[in-house]
Amino acid sequence: MKGMQIAILALIAITGAAVVFTRQPSRQIISVSFFGGLLAIMFFLFQAPDVALSQLVIGAVALPLMVLLALAKIRAESRRQQK
């Protein structure tokens, strides 16, 4: 079990760095969603299934969806103002 925990922590570190260094907002949201999924797996491996479910719903689904909707609204508004 220790090997899986160390592996997931390494993946989380790599994915967190990828989120930080990604500059395009739509790609960054996808990487944030993947990061949230990895955090949910980490919580499950560390014996916290209730926190894992909360992280899965919020970090991997709700947050990226809200940010993508906000980006779509901003882009639509800027297109409307350009016309």
Protein backbone atom coordinates (compact mmCIF):
# COMPACT_ATOMS: atom_id res chain seq x y z
CA MET A 1 0.00 0.00 0.00
CA LYS A 2 2.88 2.36 0.71
CA GLY A 3 4.03 2.09 -2.91
CA MET A 4 0.62 3.19 -4.22
CA GLN A 5 0.53 6.11 -1.78
CA ILE A 6 3.99 7.29 -2.85
CA ALA A 7 3.06 6.91 -6.52
CA ILE A 8 -0.14 8.94 -6.16
CA LEU A 9 1.70 11.66 -4.26
CA ALA A 10 4.26 11.87 -7.07
CA LEU A 11 1.49 12.06 -9.68
CA ILE A 12 -0.22 14.82 -7.69
CA ALA A 13 3.02 16.81 -7.56
CA ILE A 14 3.52 16.44 -11.32
CA THR A 15 -0.09 17.31 -12.11
CA GLY A 16 -0.01 20.31 -9.77
CA ALA A 17 3.04 21.64 -11.58
CA ALA A 18 1.30 21.06 -14.92
CA VAL A 19 -1.68 23.11 -13.73
CA VAL A 20 0.59 25.98 -12.73
CA PHE A 21 2.61 26.01 -15.95
CA THR A 22 -0.36 25.68 -18.32
CA ARG A 23 -1.26 29.09 -19.73
CA GLN A 24 -4.30 28.44 -21.92
CA PRO A 25 -7.43 28.66 -19.69
CA SER A 26 -9.36 25.81 -21.30
CA ARG A 27 -6.41 23.42 -21.00
CA GLN A 28 -5.79 24.59 -17.46
CA ILE A 29 -9.36 23.71 -16.48
CA ILE A 30 -8.94 20.21 -17.90
CA SER A 31 -5.73 19.75 -15.92
CA VAL A 32 -7.44 21.09 -12.77
CA SER A 33 -10.17 18.50 -13.24
CA PHE A 34 -7.59 15.73 -13.60
CA PHE A 35 -5.80 17.09 -10.52
CA GLY A 36 -9.06 16.95 -8.55
CA GLY A 37 -9.59 13.34 -9.61
CA LEU A 38 -6.10 12.41 -8.46
CA LEU A 39 -6.73 14.11 -5.12
CA ALA A 40 -9.90 12.06 -4.71
CA ILE A 41 -7.91 8.88 -5.37
CA MET A 42 -5.29 10.00 -2.85
CA PHE A 43 -7.92 10.60 -0.16
CA PHE A 44 -9.37 7.16 -0.84
CA LEU A 45 -5.94 5.53 -0.54
CA PHE A 46 -5.33 7.35 2.74
CA GLN A 47 -8.56 5.89 4.20
CA ALA A 48 -10.81 8.96 3.88
CA PRO A 49 -13.62 7.90 1.51
CA ASP A 50 -16.02 10.66 2.62
CA VAL A 51 -13.46 13.35 1.78
CA ALA A 52 -12.71 11.53 -1.48
CA LEU A 53 -16.36 11.71 -2.54
CA SER A 54 -16.55 15.40 -1.66
CA GLN A 55 -13.34 16.10 -3.59
CA LEU A 56 -14.62 14.15 -6.58
CA VAL A 57 -17.82 16.16 -6.76
CA ILE A 58 -16.31 19.58 -6.08
CA GLY A 59 -12.76 19.38 -7.43
CA ALA A 60 -13.25 17.19 -10.47
CA VAL A 61 -16.74 18.21 -11.60
CA ALA A 62 -18.26 21.36 -10.11
CA LEU A 63 -15.28 23.72 -10.08
CA PRO A 64 -14.13 23.04 -13.67
CA LEU A 65 -17.73 23.25 -14.91
CA MET A 66 -18.28 26.63 -13.22
CA VAL A 67 -15.02 28.05 -14.59
CA LEU A 68 -15.75 26.79 -18.12
CA LEU A 69 -19.21 28.38 -17.98
CA ALA A 70 -17.68 31.66 -16.79
CA LEU A 71 -15.11 31.58 -19.62
CA ALA A 72 -17.87 30.92 -22.15
CA LYS A 73 -19.89 33.86 -20.84
CA ILE A 74 -16.86 36.17 -20.93
CA ARG A 75 -16.05 35.15 -24.50
CA ALA A 76 -19.67 35.59 -25.61
CA GLU A 77 -19.78 39.02 -23.97
CA SER A 78 -16.55 40.13 -25.65
CA ARG A 79 -17.84 38.93 -29.04
CA ARG A 80 -21.07 40.84 -28.49
CA GLN A 81 -19.18 44.02 -27.64
CA GLN A 82 -16.99 43.71 -30.74
CA LYS A 83 -20.03 43.77 -33.05
